[in-house]
Structures are given as C-alpha cells and as structure tokens.
C-alpha cells in the first residue's frame, strides 16, 4: 500500500497535531481519502462532555480530546439533556471515507454523580458483551477495549473535580442491529457493537486495521481450543469449504492477501495444522513463496505456471502460450487441453512446503486447489489428512 498523510496542522510548542479530524486525509494509490475517528474516541468525547455538563450545569457544544495517534480532536456534541441528577449527550461516529459499518451511529454517554470517588464506566443498550475467551476483554464484560477505556478515564479525569465520583453509562441505539453485519458474532460478542480503537483515528484503506481484525479472529478460535484451522483467501474459498469439503464455517478464517502474516499468527497461537484452500490465481503465488498475494506486491502467476508446465514436459510453444495468458483461467484451459494437469499437483505440494517452511516447521500445512465450477484441481496428502481429522469429504 502506498499511503501518506496530509492536511495535518501542528500545535505550537509540543508538535502534536490538532484540528477536526475531517481536515485530515491519507493518500492511497494516488487518491485522497478522509480520515475518521473510532468508536473509542466517540465514547471518550461523549463521556467527557457529559461529565463537563454535569459539573458545570451548562450545555457543551464541542469537546476536545487527545488520541493515542497524537491527534487532538475537536468533536461536535449532540442530544444534550439535563435530568434531575444526570447529564446525557452523544457524539456521532464518523469513519471518514473508510467503509465502516458503525459510521453514523450515535455514541451516548450519561453521567451521574456517585458517593464514591473515582470513575465508573458501564455499558447499556447497543454495546456488546464478550462471551468467548481470546479477546482483549474478559468474558462477561462489556466490549469496551482497553485503549478506549483508558481514553475515557483520562478525558473524564480532566473535568471531574478531585473529590467527586461519577458513573458513566455508554449506549449505542441501533448497535445491536449493526453488530450483526460485523465480525462480532464470529468473535463471540453478542448484543451490540464493540467500543474499539488503538489509535483513536480511523485510517481509510488501513492494511494494519484489517490484519488486526484477522488476528483477533484467530485468537478467539485458539482460545476456544481449536488447533486446526482453515485458511481461505475470500468468499469463494469459504463457499468451497462449506459446500464441497463439507467442513464447518466456524473453522474458516479469510486471510485476504495476508497469508504470511496469518501463518505467523498461527505459530503465535500454537495452531498445529492449517488447511489452505484457494483458487489457482492465489495458490500459484504461494507455491513460489509469495506470502502477500496482492498483485501490486507480486504477480508472477504466468511465470510460475509456465515453469511448472515445462517441468511437466510441455513444449516450447505451449510454455510460451501459457506465459502469454492474461488470466489463470486462460492458462488452465491450455494446461488441461495439453494434458498437463500434473502442474496442479506440483502447485499444491509446493504451496504446502513453502507455508510449512515459512513457519519453520511449527505448523503443518495442507493445500487444496480448486478451479471453475468449484471443482478440485489438486490436493496433497497433508490436506487429505487434515480434512479427515476435521470430518470433511473429498469434494
């Protein structure tokens, strides 16, 4: 990814960035994308504003907060309400130009004084509860991650008098419905969204955020006692696993282009065996030791297929035709027409060998290669053994 930040303003004296996050952008592949702010930032801002209102008795229109990214945000406050012994307000989540399901949700905070000193944070409507181990929050607690919680405590501490205590209740109307479209159900978070964010800022097209979510899914699977996992690259692979191999979707983690990263995570979480399932366009890269499979990182599909065809005895003309193909589907047509299907066996065997070697033999990897019509092109012995242990079929 080619990304660089622009539009930031410096605060004199300490070098920290400040300003409304809507003034900040990231350039990705020559295009300009507006940044946003996390649900954690919204929760911290709403909490600070609600407590400030409770202490001062005055409505707050905007609130400033610091983020771990070093950006100081000035966010608008909405829905300000005073009751007899409480103050309540909201901050609207804005994920910028990132395709974020939680953008537009209102993160509410209600503040009430309490007899004990200090800050108590509770979760109400629309915030999920953790039901599975392996996450950053203990089972049974609201899905408010540690960094957002630290942000809330810091920001509220700035406006709460030293000798007072306050109880803050966070809520997200509609969060239960939105959560069904996120990873939360797979992660064992029920009843609502999570209050997330390690930096406080949403960076559109962020590869790191994507990888973090994948790693979290594997962490949950490992915490559930699973030591055999299925990696696919996307939806087609997952469909193949369910419909052709007869395996459970709960075992599937979609790695996208980040196979190398996810193999490292498999080692970290002591996964014993990985079944790698993919179509020709992805698996052929892995067979050559390419572990970030985006075409902009590495694309040697035709070179690899041409070389394997030559090893299978293809003549010079056939090798040249394969090399000249634009797609792996077109190359496969030539391979099949010339009786060179042994290429597929070489691909799965080398893919498994490369992946196992990538983990320094700490994870056993078996590979299944499928083609058009969800047909199995090849699978190696390691794949057969793993599928049998998982209770699947031959496809």
Protein backbone atom coordinates (compact mmCIF):
# COMPACT_ATOMS: atom_id res chain seq x y z
CA UNK A 1 0.00 0.00 0.00
CA UNK A 2 1.21 3.43 -0.90
CA UNK A 3 -0.09 5.67 1.89
CA UNK A 4 0.98 9.02 3.26
CA UNK A 5 -0.72 11.55 5.46
CA UNK A 6 -1.57 15.10 4.55
CA UNK A 7 -3.64 18.00 5.82
CA UNK A 8 -2.39 17.86 9.41
CA UNK A 9 -1.91 21.04 11.39
CA UNK A 10 0.75 21.44 14.07
CA UNK A 11 0.10 22.83 17.53
CA UNK A 12 2.85 25.27 18.55
CA UNK A 13 5.01 24.17 21.40
CA UNK A 14 4.61 20.39 21.54
CA UNK A 15 4.40 19.25 17.93
CA UNK A 16 1.11 17.43 18.47
CA UNK A 17 -1.44 17.53 15.68
CA UNK A 18 -4.80 19.11 16.30
CA UNK A 19 -7.94 20.13 14.50
CA UNK A 20 -11.14 18.40 13.44
CA UNK A 21 -10.22 15.01 12.01
CA UNK A 22 -12.26 15.81 8.89
CA UNK A 23 -9.37 18.09 7.91
CA UNK A 24 -7.02 15.09 7.82
CA UNK A 25 -6.55 12.82 4.83
CA UNK A 26 -4.49 9.89 3.63
CA UNK A 27 -3.33 9.40 0.04
CA UNK A 28 -3.74 5.80 -1.14
CA UNK A 29 -2.70 4.86 -4.66
CA UNK A 30 -2.96 8.49 -5.73
CA UNK A 31 -6.46 9.00 -4.33
CA UNK A 32 -7.38 11.21 -1.38
CA UNK A 33 -9.38 9.62 1.46
CA UNK A 34 -10.70 11.47 4.50
CA UNK A 35 -9.80 10.02 7.88
CA UNK A 36 -12.32 9.43 10.65
CA UNK A 37 -12.42 8.67 14.34
CA UNK A 38 -13.13 5.47 16.23
CA UNK A 39 -16.00 4.46 18.47
CA UNK A 40 -13.45 4.70 21.28
CA UNK A 41 -12.84 8.38 20.52
CA UNK A 42 -16.60 8.97 20.39
CA UNK A 43 -17.12 7.28 23.74
CA UNK A 44 -14.30 9.29 25.34
CA UNK A 45 -15.62 12.56 23.88
CA UNK A 46 -19.24 11.90 24.86
CA UNK A 47 -18.16 10.87 28.38
CA UNK A 48 -16.06 13.99 28.84
CA UNK A 49 -18.84 16.23 27.54
CA UNK A 50 -21.50 14.61 29.75
CA UNK A 51 -19.35 14.92 32.88
CA UNK A 52 -18.45 18.51 31.99
CA UNK A 53 -22.16 19.31 31.67
CA UNK A 54 -22.92 17.57 34.97
CA UNK A 55 -20.20 19.55 36.77
CA UNK A 56 -20.89 22.96 35.19
CA UNK A 57 -24.63 22.78 34.60
CA UNK A 58 -24.10 24.16 31.10
CA UNK A 59 -24.61 22.60 27.68
CA UNK A 60 -21.43 21.66 25.82
CA UNK A 61 -21.43 22.16 22.02
CA UNK A 62 -17.98 20.75 21.24
CA UNK A 63 -15.36 18.81 23.16
CA UNK A 64 -11.60 18.36 22.77
CA UNK A 65 -9.91 15.02 23.37
CA UNK A 66 -6.44 13.59 22.84
CA UNK A 67 -5.91 10.38 20.88
CA UNK A 68 -3.08 7.85 21.11
CA UNK A 69 -2.23 8.78 17.50
CA UNK A 70 -1.15 12.23 18.69
CA UNK A 71 -4.11 13.97 17.05
CA UNK A 72 -6.19 16.26 19.26
CA UNK A 73 -9.81 16.13 18.13
CA UNK A 74 -12.47 18.79 18.46
CA UNK A 75 -15.78 16.96 18.08
CA UNK A 76 -19.37 18.24 17.99
CA UNK A 77 -21.69 17.22 20.82
CA UNK A 78 -25.38 16.47 20.19
CA UNK A 79 -28.54 15.44 22.07
CA UNK A 80 -27.57 17.29 25.25
CA UNK A 81 -30.13 16.66 28.02
CA UNK A 82 -30.18 17.52 31.73
CA UNK A 83 -32.21 15.47 34.19
CA UNK A 84 -32.57 15.98 37.93
CA UNK A 85 -29.30 14.22 38.78
CA UNK A 86 -27.68 13.43 35.43
CA UNK A 87 -26.46 14.82 32.13
CA UNK A 88 -26.57 12.98 28.80
CA UNK A 89 -25.23 13.68 25.32
CA UNK A 90 -23.95 11.96 22.19
CA UNK A 91 -21.14 12.10 19.65
CA UNK A 92 -21.79 10.77 16.15
CA UNK A 93 -19.32 8.19 14.83
CA UNK A 94 -17.62 9.32 11.62
CA UNK A 95 -15.36 6.77 9.98
CA UNK A 96 -14.29 9.17 7.24
CA UNK A 97 -14.04 7.50 3.83
CA UNK A 98 -13.47 4.07 5.35
CA UNK A 99 -16.23 1.52 4.64
CA UNK A 100 -17.16 1.41 8.33
CA UNK A 101 -20.47 -0.16 9.38
CA UNK A 102 -20.58 1.92 12.57
CA UNK A 103 -20.36 5.32 10.82
CA UNK A 104 -23.40 7.43 11.63
CA UNK A 105 -24.18 5.73 14.92
CA UNK A 106 -24.64 7.94 17.95
CA UNK A 107 -22.45 7.05 20.93
CA UNK A 108 -24.29 8.26 24.04
CA UNK A 109 -22.86 8.88 27.50
CA UNK A 110 -24.91 9.54 30.61
CA UNK A 111 -23.12 10.90 33.68
CA UNK A 112 -24.33 10.77 37.30
CA UNK A 113 -22.50 11.67 40.47
CA UNK A 114 -21.86 8.81 42.87
CA UNK A 115 -20.90 8.69 46.53
CA UNK A 116 -17.51 7.03 45.99
CA UNK A 117 -14.64 8.93 44.45
CA UNK A 118 -13.39 7.91 41.03
CA UNK A 119 -14.86 6.99 37.66
CA UNK A 120 -17.12 4.01 36.97
CA UNK A 121 -17.92 3.07 33.37
CA UNK A 122 -20.89 0.90 32.48
CA UNK A 123 -22.38 -0.21 29.16
CA UNK A 124 -26.02 -0.13 28.17
CA UNK A 125 -28.07 -0.57 25.02
CA UNK A 126 -26.28 -1.45 21.79
CA UNK A 127 -22.88 -2.33 23.28
CA UNK A 128 -21.96 -5.99 23.06
CA UNK A 129 -20.98 -8.40 25.80
CA UNK A 130 -17.95 -10.67 25.46
CA UNK A 131 -18.92 -14.35 25.61
CA UNK A 132 -15.78 -16.05 24.26
CA UNK A 133 -12.19 -16.04 25.53
CA UNK A 134 -9.32 -14.81 23.40
CA UNK A 135 -10.30 -11.14 23.19
CA UNK A 136 -8.76 -8.17 24.96
CA UNK A 137 -11.74 -8.01 27.32
CA UNK A 138 -12.66 -10.77 29.79
CA UNK A 139 -15.70 -12.95 29.27
CA UNK A 140 -18.85 -11.43 30.73
CA UNK A 141 -17.69 -7.82 30.47
CA UNK A 142 -18.91 -5.18 28.02
CA UNK A 143 -16.95 -5.00 24.74
CA UNK A 144 -15.08 -1.81 25.60
CA UNK A 145 -11.45 -2.36 24.66
CA UNK A 146 -8.59 -1.29 26.97
CA UNK A 147 -7.38 1.72 24.95
CA UNK A 148 -10.84 3.35 24.70
CA UNK A 149 -11.32 2.72 28.41
CA UNK A 150 -8.03 4.46 29.15
CA UNK A 151 -9.09 7.36 26.94
CA UNK A 152 -12.40 7.68 28.78
CA UNK A 153 -10.73 7.69 32.19
CA UNK A 154 -8.13 10.25 31.08
CA UNK A 155 -10.58 12.66 29.47
CA UNK A 156 -13.18 12.47 32.23
CA UNK A 157 -10.43 12.93 34.81
CA UNK A 158 -9.63 16.29 33.25
CA UNK A 159 -13.09 17.72 34.01
CA UNK A 160 -14.12 15.81 37.15
CA UNK A 161 -13.29 17.57 40.46
CA UNK A 162 -10.75 15.68 42.55
CA UNK A 163 -13.11 14.98 45.42
CA UNK A 164 -16.04 13.73 43.31
CA UNK A 165 -17.07 10.40 41.83
CA UNK A 166 -19.08 9.77 38.69
CA UNK A 167 -20.84 6.86 36.99
CA UNK A 168 -20.86 6.92 33.18
CA UNK A 169 -23.22 4.73 31.19
CA UNK A 170 -22.47 4.33 27.50
CA UNK A 171 -25.08 3.27 24.95
CA UNK A 172 -25.43 2.99 21.19
CA UNK A 173 -29.02 2.91 19.90
CA UNK A 174 -29.19 0.54 16.96
CA UNK A 175 -25.85 -1.00 17.82
CA UNK A 176 -27.38 -4.46 18.16
CA UNK A 177 -28.56 -4.44 14.53
CA UNK A 178 -25.32 -3.03 13.13
CA UNK A 179 -23.25 -5.58 15.07
CA UNK A 180 -24.83 -8.40 13.06
CA UNK A 181 -23.01 -7.02 9.98
CA UNK A 182 -19.61 -7.00 11.68
CA UNK A 183 -17.16 -9.64 12.90
CA UNK A 184 -18.72 -9.56 16.39
CA UNK A 185 -20.93 -12.66 16.04
CA UNK A 186 -17.92 -14.70 14.88
CA UNK A 187 -15.87 -13.38 17.78
CA UNK A 188 -18.45 -14.23 20.41
CA UNK A 189 -19.53 -10.66 21.11
CA UNK A 190 -23.32 -10.55 21.45
CA UNK A 191 -25.91 -7.82 21.77
CA UNK A 192 -24.15 -4.90 20.17
CA UNK A 193 -21.06 -3.29 18.73
CA UNK A 194 -17.64 -3.01 20.32
CA UNK A 195 -16.06 0.21 21.54
CA UNK A 196 -12.76 -0.04 19.68
CA UNK A 197 -9.66 1.79 18.54
CA UNK A 198 -5.97 1.57 19.38
CA UNK A 199 -5.08 4.95 17.87
CA UNK A 200 -8.39 6.80 18.14
CA UNK A 201 -8.23 7.53 14.41
CA UNK A 202 -9.75 5.60 11.50
CA UNK A 203 -7.33 5.50 8.57
CA UNK A 204 -9.21 4.57 5.36
CA UNK A 205 -7.92 1.54 3.50
CA UNK A 206 -5.78 0.65 6.51
CA UNK A 207 -3.98 -2.64 5.99
CA UNK A 208 -2.97 -2.76 9.65
CA UNK A 209 -6.58 -2.49 10.87
CA UNK A 210 -7.58 -5.30 8.52
CA UNK A 211 -4.76 -7.52 9.76
CA UNK A 212 -5.64 -6.76 13.37
CA UNK A 213 -9.21 -7.97 12.82
CA UNK A 214 -7.96 -11.20 11.22
CA UNK A 215 -5.53 -11.81 14.06
CA UNK A 216 -8.33 -11.27 16.56
CA UNK A 217 -10.48 -13.88 14.85
CA UNK A 218 -7.65 -16.41 15.07
CA UNK A 219 -7.07 -15.53 18.72
CA UNK A 220 -10.70 -16.32 19.52
CA UNK A 221 -10.53 -19.62 17.63
CA UNK A 222 -7.40 -20.62 19.54
CA UNK A 223 -8.97 -19.64 22.86
CA UNK A 224 -11.87 -21.95 22.02
CA UNK A 225 -9.37 -24.80 21.92
CA UNK A 226 -9.06 -25.15 18.16
CA UNK A 227 -5.63 -26.18 16.94
CA UNK A 228 -6.67 -26.93 13.35
CA UNK A 229 -7.79 -24.01 11.22
CA UNK A 230 -8.83 -23.48 7.60
CA UNK A 231 -7.38 -20.51 5.75
CA UNK A 232 -9.07 -19.22 2.61
CA UNK A 233 -8.42 -16.02 0.72
CA UNK A 234 -12.04 -14.88 0.43
CA UNK A 235 -15.70 -15.76 -0.01
CA UNK A 236 -15.21 -18.22 -2.87
CA UNK A 237 -12.85 -20.28 -0.75
CA UNK A 238 -15.23 -20.25 2.18
CA UNK A 239 -18.11 -21.41 -0.04
CA UNK A 240 -15.93 -24.22 -1.38
CA UNK A 241 -15.05 -25.36 2.14
CA UNK A 242 -18.71 -25.45 3.18
CA UNK A 243 -20.31 -26.85 0.04
CA UNK A 244 -17.64 -29.14 -1.42
CA UNK A 245 -15.48 -30.19 1.51
CA UNK A 246 -18.36 -30.37 3.97
CA UNK A 247 -16.46 -28.58 6.72
CA UNK A 248 -17.73 -26.12 9.29
CA UNK A 249 -17.62 -22.42 8.52
CA UNK A 250 -16.58 -21.84 12.13
CA UNK A 251 -13.18 -23.24 11.22
CA UNK A 252 -12.68 -20.81 8.33
CA UNK A 253 -10.64 -17.61 8.55
CA UNK A 254 -10.37 -15.49 5.42
CA UNK A 255 -6.79 -14.23 5.24
CA UNK A 256 -7.31 -11.91 2.27
CA UNK A 257 -3.83 -11.17 0.87
CA UNK A 258 -2.06 -11.52 4.24
CA UNK A 259 -1.21 -15.22 4.29
CA UNK A 260 2.32 -14.74 5.62
CA UNK A 261 1.07 -12.60 8.48
CA UNK A 262 -1.60 -15.15 9.34
CA UNK A 263 0.90 -18.02 9.27
CA UNK A 264 2.99 -16.08 11.79
CA UNK A 265 -0.11 -15.66 13.94
CA UNK A 266 -0.80 -19.38 13.67
CA UNK A 267 2.62 -20.04 15.19
CA UNK A 268 1.96 -17.45 17.90
CA UNK A 269 -1.32 -19.11 18.87
CA UNK A 270 0.15 -22.64 18.72
CA UNK A 271 -2.05 -23.80 15.85
CA UNK A 272 -0.88 -27.29 14.87
CA UNK A 273 -2.37 -27.65 11.40
CA UNK A 274 -3.68 -25.31 8.71
CA UNK A 275 -5.73 -26.37 5.70
CA UNK A 276 -5.08 -23.82 2.94
CA UNK A 277 -7.88 -23.62 0.37
CA UNK A 278 -7.77 -21.38 -2.68
CA UNK A 279 -8.16 -20.95 -6.40
CA UNK A 280 -5.36 -21.03 -8.92
CA UNK A 281 -4.69 -17.28 -9.02
CA UNK A 282 -3.72 -17.21 -5.33
CA UNK A 283 -2.27 -20.65 -4.62
CA UNK A 284 0.14 -20.48 -7.56
CA UNK A 285 1.78 -17.46 -5.94
CA UNK A 286 2.12 -19.25 -2.61
CA UNK A 287 3.76 -22.17 -4.41
CA UNK A 288 6.54 -19.77 -5.39
CA UNK A 289 6.95 -18.39 -1.86
CA UNK A 290 4.84 -15.24 -2.27
CA UNK A 291 3.07 -14.65 1.04
CA UNK A 292 1.46 -11.29 0.37
CA UNK A 293 -0.70 -12.15 -2.60
CA UNK A 294 -1.92 -8.74 -3.77
CA UNK A 295 -1.00 -8.25 -7.43
CA UNK A 296 0.66 -4.92 -6.65
CA UNK A 297 3.07 -6.65 -4.29
CA UNK A 298 3.93 -9.59 -6.51
CA UNK A 299 2.38 -11.05 -9.62
CA UNK A 300 4.36 -13.88 -11.22
CA UNK A 301 1.45 -16.21 -11.93
CA UNK A 302 2.23 -16.85 -15.58
CA UNK A 303 5.95 -17.23 -14.99
CA UNK A 304 5.25 -19.89 -12.36
CA UNK A 305 2.66 -21.73 -14.44
CA UNK A 306 4.92 -21.68 -17.49
CA UNK A 307 7.81 -23.10 -15.47
CA UNK A 308 5.69 -25.87 -13.97
CA UNK A 309 4.29 -26.71 -17.41
CA UNK A 310 7.86 -27.04 -18.68
CA UNK A 311 8.64 -29.38 -15.79
CA UNK A 312 5.65 -31.46 -16.86
CA UNK A 313 7.16 -31.79 -20.32
CA UNK A 314 5.35 -29.03 -22.20
CA UNK A 315 6.94 -27.99 -25.48
CA UNK A 316 8.30 -24.50 -26.08
CA UNK A 317 5.20 -23.32 -27.93
CA UNK A 318 2.88 -24.40 -25.09
CA UNK A 319 5.09 -22.78 -22.47
CA UNK A 320 5.07 -19.57 -24.48
CA UNK A 321 1.28 -19.65 -24.82
CA UNK A 322 0.82 -20.11 -21.08
CA UNK A 323 3.29 -17.34 -20.37
CA UNK A 324 1.34 -15.02 -22.67
CA UNK A 325 -2.02 -15.55 -20.94
CA UNK A 326 -3.66 -12.66 -19.12
CA UNK A 327 -5.58 -14.80 -16.62
CA UNK A 328 -5.03 -18.07 -14.79
CA UNK A 329 -8.34 -19.32 -16.21
CA UNK A 330 -6.98 -18.95 -19.74
CA UNK A 331 -3.75 -20.66 -18.72
CA UNK A 332 -5.71 -23.51 -17.12
CA UNK A 333 -7.55 -24.12 -20.40
CA UNK A 334 -4.22 -24.67 -22.16
CA UNK A 335 -2.88 -26.82 -19.32
CA UNK A 336 -5.97 -29.03 -19.40
CA UNK A 337 -6.09 -29.25 -23.19
CA UNK A 338 -2.45 -30.38 -23.33
CA UNK A 339 -2.78 -32.99 -20.58
CA UNK A 340 -0.53 -31.09 -18.18
CA UNK A 341 -2.74 -31.44 -15.09
CA UNK A 342 0.31 -32.57 -13.15
CA UNK A 343 1.02 -28.83 -12.83
CA UNK A 344 -1.73 -28.64 -10.20
CA UNK A 345 -0.14 -31.36 -8.10
CA UNK A 346 3.15 -29.51 -8.16
CA UNK A 347 1.38 -26.32 -7.08
CA UNK A 348 -0.32 -27.79 -4.00
CA UNK A 349 2.75 -29.72 -2.90
CA UNK A 350 4.99 -26.67 -3.21
CA UNK A 351 2.42 -24.38 -1.58
CA UNK A 352 2.26 -26.63 1.47
CA UNK A 353 6.03 -26.98 1.54
CA UNK A 354 6.54 -23.22 1.33
CA UNK A 355 3.98 -22.49 4.05
CA UNK A 356 5.33 -25.14 6.41
CA UNK A 357 8.84 -23.82 5.82
CA UNK A 358 7.63 -20.27 6.45
CA UNK A 359 6.64 -21.37 9.96
CA UNK A 360 9.96 -23.20 10.44
CA UNK A 361 8.02 -26.48 10.52
CA UNK A 362 5.98 -25.44 13.54
CA UNK A 363 2.68 -25.61 11.63
CA UNK A 364 1.70 -28.45 9.32
CA UNK A 365 0.02 -27.09 6.17
CA UNK A 366 -2.02 -28.97 3.59
CA UNK A 367 -3.33 -27.36 0.41
CA UNK A 368 -6.49 -27.75 -1.66
CA UNK A 369 -6.62 -26.09 -5.09
CA UNK A 370 -10.00 -25.56 -6.75
CA UNK A 371 -11.00 -24.28 -10.18
CA UNK A 372 -14.07 -23.14 -12.06
CA UNK A 373 -17.32 -24.78 -11.06
CA UNK A 374 -15.90 -25.46 -7.61
CA UNK A 375 -14.00 -28.47 -8.89
CA UNK A 376 -10.97 -29.83 -7.06
CA UNK A 377 -7.88 -29.44 -9.25
CA UNK A 378 -5.49 -30.97 -6.72
CA UNK A 379 -4.97 -31.63 -3.02
CA UNK A 380 -1.91 -33.01 -1.32
CA UNK A 381 -1.58 -35.79 1.23
CA UNK A 382 -1.32 -33.34 4.12
CA UNK A 383 -4.63 -31.81 3.06
CA UNK A 384 -6.28 -35.24 2.97
CA UNK A 385 -5.05 -35.98 6.48
CA UNK A 386 -6.26 -32.65 7.87
CA UNK A 387 -9.66 -32.92 6.16
CA UNK A 388 -10.14 -36.41 7.59
CA UNK A 389 -9.38 -35.15 11.10
CA UNK A 390 -11.86 -32.31 10.59
CA UNK A 391 -14.56 -34.72 9.40
CA UNK A 392 -14.81 -33.43 5.83
CA UNK A 393 -15.30 -35.06 2.46
CA UNK A 394 -13.25 -35.42 -0.70
CA UNK A 395 -15.19 -32.65 -2.51
